[in-house]
PDB file of N, CA and C in Angstrom:
ATOM      1  N   MET A   1    -109.380  78.386 255.086  1.00  0.00           N
ATOM      2  CA  MET A   1    -109.192  78.204 256.501  1.00  0.00           C
ATOM      3  C   MET A   1    -109.024  76.729 256.833  1.00  0.00           C
ATOM      4  N   ARG A   2    -108.099  76.431 257.651  1.00  0.00           N
ATOM      5  CA  ARG A   2    -107.826  75.050 258.015  1.00  0.00           C
ATOM      6  C   ARG A   2    -108.493  74.733 259.344  1.00  0.00           C
ATOM      7  N   GLU A   3    -109.266  73.648 259.346  1.00  0.00           N
ATOM      8  CA  GLU A   3    -109.926  73.231 260.576  1.00  0.00           C
ATOM      9  C   GLU A   3    -109.101  72.147 261.255  1.00  0.00           C
ATOM     10  N   SER A   4    -109.084  72.154 262.561  1.00  0.00           N
ATOM     11  CA  SER A   4    -108.360  71.108 263.274  1.00  0.00           C
ATOM     12  C   SER A   4    -109.261  69.889 263.422  1.00  0.00           C
ATOM     13  N   PHE A   5    -108.642  68.741 263.451  1.00  0.00           N
ATOM     14  CA  PHE A   5    -109.377  67.481 263.586  1.00  0.00           C
ATOM     15  C   PHE A   5    -109.574  67.182 265.061  1.00  0.00           C
ATOM     16  N   GLN A   6    -110.801  66.904 265.426  1.00  0.00           N
ATOM     17  CA  GLN A   6    -111.103  66.534 266.805  1.00  0.00           C
ATOM     18  C   GLN A   6    -111.944  65.269 266.792  1.00  0.00           C
ATOM     19  N   MET A   7    -111.558  64.309 267.619  1.00  0.00           N
ATOM     20  CA  MET A   7    -112.337  63.079 267.745  1.00  0.00           C
ATOM     21  C   MET A   7    -113.590  63.377 268.549  1.00  0.00           C
ATOM     22  N   ARG A   8    -114.701  62.888 268.060  1.00  0.00           N
ATOM     23  CA  ARG A   8    -115.957  63.041 268.778  1.00  0.00           C
ATOM     24  C   ARG A   8    -116.363  61.696 269.358  1.00  0.00           C
ATOM     25  N   GLU A   9    -117.257  61.744 270.301  1.00  0.00           N
ATOM     26  CA  GLU A   9    -117.764  60.519 270.903  1.00  0.00           C
ATOM     27  C   GLU A   9    -118.421  59.671 269.813  1.00  0.00           C
ATOM     28  N   GLY A  10    -118.048  58.421 269.744  1.00  0.00           N
ATOM     29  CA  GLY A  10    -118.619  57.516 268.755  1.00  0.00           C
ATOM     30  C   GLY A  10    -117.806  57.393 267.478  1.00  0.00           C
ATOM     31  N   ASP A  11    -116.792  58.257 267.284  1.00  0.00           N
ATOM     32  CA  ASP A  11    -115.993  58.197 266.064  1.00  0.00           C
ATOM     33  C   ASP A  11    -115.244  56.875 265.940  1.00  0.00           C
ATOM     34  N   MET A  12    -114.697  56.381 267.039  1.00  0.00           N
ATOM     35  CA  MET A  12    -113.945  55.128 266.992  1.00  0.00           C
ATOM     36  C   MET A  12    -114.857  53.961 266.635  1.00  0.00           C
ATOM     37  N   GLU A  13    -116.055  53.940 267.193  1.00  0.00           N
ATOM     38  CA  GLU A  13    -117.000  52.869 266.882  1.00  0.00           C
ATOM     39  C   GLU A  13    -117.413  52.932 265.416  1.00  0.00           C
ATOM     40  N   GLU A  14    -117.623  54.130 264.925  1.00  0.00           N
ATOM     41  CA  GLU A  14    -117.998  54.304 263.521  1.00  0.00           C
ATOM     42  C   GLU A  14    -116.857  53.860 262.613  1.00  0.00           C
ATOM     43  N   GLU A  15    -115.630  54.190 262.987  1.00  0.00           N
ATOM     44  CA  GLU A  15    -114.473  53.779 262.198  1.00  0.00           C
ATOM     45  C   GLU A  15    -114.333  52.264 262.205  1.00  0.00           C
ATOM     46  N   ASP A  16    -114.559  51.630 263.339  1.00  0.00           N
ATOM     47  CA  ASP A  16    -114.492  50.170 263.419  1.00  0.00           C
ATOM     48  C   ASP A  16    -115.532  49.522 262.514  1.00  0.00           C
ATOM     49  N   ARG A  17    -116.746  50.064 262.510  1.00  0.00           N
ATOM     50  CA  ARG A  17    -117.806  49.519 261.646  1.00  0.00           C
ATOM     51  C   ARG A  17    -117.441  49.688 260.175  1.00  0.00           C
ATOM     52  N   LEU A  18    -116.864  50.822 259.837  1.00  0.00           N
ATOM     53  CA  LEU A  18    -116.452  51.061 258.459  1.00  0.00           C
ATOM     54  C   LEU A  18    -115.348  50.092 258.055  1.00  0.00           C
ATOM     55  N   ARG A  19    -114.371  49.894 258.928  1.00  0.00           N
ATOM     56  CA  ARG A  19    -113.292  48.945 258.628  1.00  0.00           C
ATOM     57  C   ARG A  19    -113.838  47.536 258.422  1.00  0.00           C
ATOM     58  N   ASP A  20    -114.778  47.119 259.274  1.00  0.00           N
ATOM     59  CA  ASP A  20    -115.389  45.795 259.130  1.00  0.00           C
ATOM     60  C   ASP A  20    -116.127  45.672 257.800  1.00  0.00           C
ATOM     61  N   ALA A  21    -116.857  46.716 257.422  1.00  0.00           N
ATOM     62  CA  ALA A  21    -117.594  46.699 256.154  1.00  0.00           C
ATOM     63  C   ALA A  21    -116.634  46.616 254.967  1.00  0.00           C
ATOM     64  N   LEU A  22    -115.522  47.331 255.046  1.00  0.00           N
ATOM     65  CA  LEU A  22    -114.548  47.300 253.960  1.00  0.00           C
ATOM     66  C   LEU A  22    -113.852  45.948 253.869  1.00  0.00           C
ATOM     67  N   LYS A  23    -113.565  45.323 254.992  1.00  0.00           N
ATOM     68  CA  LYS A  23    -112.974  43.980 254.982  1.00  0.00           C
ATOM     69  C   LYS A  23    -113.933  42.979 254.352  1.00  0.00           C
ATOM     70  N   PHE A  24    -115.218  43.079 254.711  1.00  0.00           N
ATOM     71  CA  PHE A  24    -116.227  42.190 254.149  1.00  0.00           C
ATOM     72  C   PHE A  24    -116.333  42.405 252.636  1.00  0.00           C
ATOM     73  N   ALA A  25    -116.383  43.658 252.200  1.00  0.00           N
ATOM     74  CA  ALA A  25    -116.484  43.970 250.772  1.00  0.00           C
ATOM     75  C   ALA A  25    -115.263  43.469 250.010  1.00  0.00           C
ATOM     76  N   ASN A  26    -114.094  43.583 250.604  1.00  0.00           N
ATOM     77  CA  ASN A  26    -112.870  43.111 249.973  1.00  0.00           C
ATOM     78  C   ASN A  26    -112.902  41.595 249.807  1.00  0.00           C
ATOM     79  N   ALA A  27    -113.330  40.884 250.847  1.00  0.00           N
ATOM     80  CA  ALA A  27    -113.433  39.427 250.764  1.00  0.00           C
ATOM     81  C   ALA A  27    -114.473  39.026 249.724  1.00  0.00           C
ATOM     82  N   CYS A  28    -115.580  39.739 249.670  1.00  0.00           N
ATOM     83  CA  CYS A  28    -116.630  39.467 248.690  1.00  0.00           C
ATOM     84  C   CYS A  28    -116.088  39.642 247.270  1.00  0.00           C
ATOM     85  N   GLY A  29    -115.362  40.696 247.047  1.00  0.00           N
ATOM     86  CA  GLY A  29    -114.770  40.938 245.737  1.00  0.00           C
ATOM     87  C   GLY A  29    -113.751  39.878 245.360  1.00  0.00           C
ATOM     88  N   ALA A  30    -112.944  39.467 246.326  1.00  0.00           N
ATOM     89  CA  ALA A  30    -111.934  38.442 246.064  1.00  0.00           C
ATOM     90  C   ALA A  30    -112.588  37.121 245.671  1.00  0.00           C
ATOM     91  N   LEU A  31    -113.648  36.747 246.362  1.00  0.00           N
ATOM     92  CA  LEU A  31    -114.349  35.507 246.025  1.00  0.00           C
ATOM     93  C   LEU A  31    -115.063  35.621 244.681  1.00  0.00           C
ATOM     94  N   THR A  32    -115.601  36.777 244.378  1.00  0.00           N
ATOM     95  CA  THR A  32    -116.349  36.977 243.138  1.00  0.00           C
ATOM     96  C   THR A  32    -115.461  36.809 241.909  1.00  0.00           C
ATOM     97  N   VAL A  33    -114.257  37.340 241.942  1.00  0.00           N
ATOM     98  CA  VAL A  33    -113.390  37.262 240.763  1.00  0.00           C
ATOM     99  C   VAL A  33    -112.816  35.871 240.545  1.00  0.00           C
ATOM    100  N   MET A  34    -113.031  34.973 241.479  1.00  0.00           N
ATOM    101  CA  MET A  34    -112.548  33.599 241.320  1.00  0.00           C
ATOM    102  C   MET A  34    -113.559  32.715 240.589  1.00  0.00           C
ATOM    103  N   GLU A  35    -114.735  33.256 240.274  1.00  0.00           N
ATOM    104  CA  GLU A  35    -115.784  32.507 239.579  1.00  0.00           C
ATOM    105  C   GLU A  35    -116.129  33.198 238.266  1.00  0.00           C
ATOM    106  N   ARG A  36    -116.792  32.461 237.386  1.00  0.00           N
ATOM    107  CA  ARG A  36    -117.233  33.028 236.111  1.00  0.00           C
ATOM    108  C   ARG A  36    -118.557  33.744 236.286  1.00  0.00           C
ATOM    109  N   GLY A  37    -118.758  34.774 235.496  1.00  0.00           N
ATOM    110  CA  GLY A  37    -120.009  35.505 235.510  1.00  0.00           C
ATOM    111  C   GLY A  37    -119.986  36.634 236.527  1.00  0.00           C
ATOM    112  N   ALA A  38    -121.039  37.412 236.504  1.00  0.00           N
ATOM    113  CA  ALA A  38    -121.116  38.540 237.434  1.00  0.00           C
ATOM    114  C   ALA A  38    -122.031  38.191 238.600  1.00  0.00           C
ATOM    115  N   ILE A  39    -123.313  38.171 238.355  1.00  0.00           N
ATOM    116  CA  ILE A  39    -124.272  37.886 239.421  1.00  0.00           C
ATOM    117  C   ILE A  39    -124.130  36.451 239.935  1.00  0.00           C
ATOM    118  N   PRO A  40    -123.973  35.453 239.059  1.00  0.00           N
ATOM    119  CA  PRO A  40    -123.831  34.081 239.578  1.00  0.00           C
ATOM    120  C   PRO A  40    -122.590  33.889 240.455  1.00  0.00           C
ATOM    121  N   ALA A  41    -121.593  34.736 240.266  1.00  0.00           N
ATOM    122  CA  ALA A  41    -120.352  34.598 241.026  1.00  0.00           C
ATOM    123  C   ALA A  41    -120.417  35.249 242.401  1.00  0.00           C
ATOM    124  N   LEU A  42    -121.469  36.031 242.673  1.00  0.00           N
ATOM    125  CA  LEU A  42    -121.552  36.693 243.978  1.00  0.00           C
ATOM    126  C   LEU A  42    -121.681  35.658 245.088  1.00  0.00           C
ATOM    127  N   PRO A  43    -120.789  35.700 246.066  1.00  0.00           N
ATOM    128  CA  PRO A  43    -120.841  34.715 247.151  1.00  0.00           C
ATOM    129  C   PRO A  43    -121.930  35.046 248.165  1.00  0.00           C
ATOM    130  N   SER A  44    -122.345  34.028 248.887  1.00  0.00           N
ATOM    131  CA  SER A  44    -123.310  34.245 249.968  1.00  0.00           C
ATOM    132  C   SER A  44    -122.594  34.885 251.154  1.00  0.00           C
ATOM    133  N   ARG A  45    -123.370  35.412 252.053  1.00  0.00           N
ATOM    134  CA  ARG A  45    -122.806  36.013 253.273  1.00  0.00           C
ATOM    135  C   ARG A  45    -122.002  34.965 254.034  1.00  0.00           C
ATOM    136  N   GLU A  46    -122.555  33.759 254.115  1.00  0.00           N
ATOM    137  CA  GLU A  46    -121.883  32.674 254.829  1.00  0.00           C
ATOM    138  C   GLU A  46    -120.544  32.332 254.178  1.00  0.00           C
ATOM    139  N   ALA A  47    -120.503  32.296 252.852  1.00  0.00           N
ATOM    140  CA  ALA A  47    -119.255  31.987 252.149  1.00  0.00           C
ATOM    141  C   ALA A  47    -118.195  33.054 252.419  1.00  0.00           C
ATOM    142  N   VAL A  48    -118.610  34.307 252.447  1.00  0.00           N
ATOM    143  CA  VAL A  48    -117.663  35.401 252.714  1.00  0.00           C
ATOM    144  C   VAL A  48    -117.131  35.303 254.138  1.00  0.00           C
ATOM    145  N   LEU A  49    -118.025  35.080 255.093  1.00  0.00           N
ATOM    146  CA  LEU A  49    -117.589  34.977 256.491  1.00  0.00           C
ATOM    147  C   LEU A  49    -116.665  33.783 256.696  1.00  0.00           C
ATOM    148  N   ASN A  50    -116.961  32.652 256.044  1.00  0.00           N
ATOM    149  CA  ASN A  50    -116.087  31.481 256.148  1.00  0.00           C
ATOM    150  C   ASN A  50    -114.710  31.768 255.561  1.00  0.00           C
ATOM    151  N   ALA A  51    -114.670  32.452 254.429  1.00  0.00           N
ATOM    152  CA  ALA A  51    -113.390  32.804 253.813  1.00  0.00           C
ATOM    153  C   ALA A  51    -112.597  33.741 254.714  1.00  0.00           C
ATOM    154  N   MET A  52    -113.282  34.681 255.337  1.00  0.00           N
ATOM    155  CA  MET A  52    -112.600  35.609 256.242  1.00  0.00           C
ATOM    156  C   MET A  52    -112.036  34.865 257.449  1.00  0.00           C
ATOM    157  N   LEU A  53    -112.767  33.887 257.958  1.00  0.00           N
ATOM    158  CA  LEU A  53    -112.273  33.101 259.090  1.00  0.00           C
ATOM    159  C   LEU A  53    -111.052  32.282 258.707  1.00  0.00           C
ATOM    160  N   LYS A  54    -111.040  31.741 257.505  1.00  0.00           N
ATOM    161  CA  LYS A  54    -109.899  30.946 257.045  1.00  0.00           C
ATOM    162  C   LYS A  54    -108.643  31.799 256.937  1.00  0.00           C
ATOM    163  N   LEU A  55    -108.799  33.047 256.543  1.00  0.00           N
ATOM    164  CA  LEU A  55    -107.645  33.934 256.412  1.00  0.00           C
ATOM    165  C   LEU A  55    -107.076  34.342 257.761  1.00  0.00           C
ATOM    166  N   VAL A  56    -107.932  34.416 258.762  1.00  0.00           N
ATOM    167  CA  VAL A  56    -107.497  34.851 260.091  1.00  0.00           C
ATOM    168  C   VAL A  56    -106.797  33.726 260.831  1.00  0.00           C
ATOM    169  N   THR A  57    -107.277  32.507 260.645  1.00  0.00           N
ATOM    170  CA  THR A  57    -106.705  31.370 261.393  1.00  0.00           C
ATOM    171  C   THR A  57    -105.582  30.715 260.663  1.00  0.00           C
TER     172      THR A  57
END
């Protein structure tokens, strides 16, 4: 049986939060692969946010 898709209250906000989380994770991954090592290469939250700002501007 095929169900129809219906938007519920709050779905757009949830989707926006998910998109933001995925953008942050993508930036984190991009910065991580530019350094050597695994754990030592993980960027700080501030470094990720700064990198994201540089890409937008």
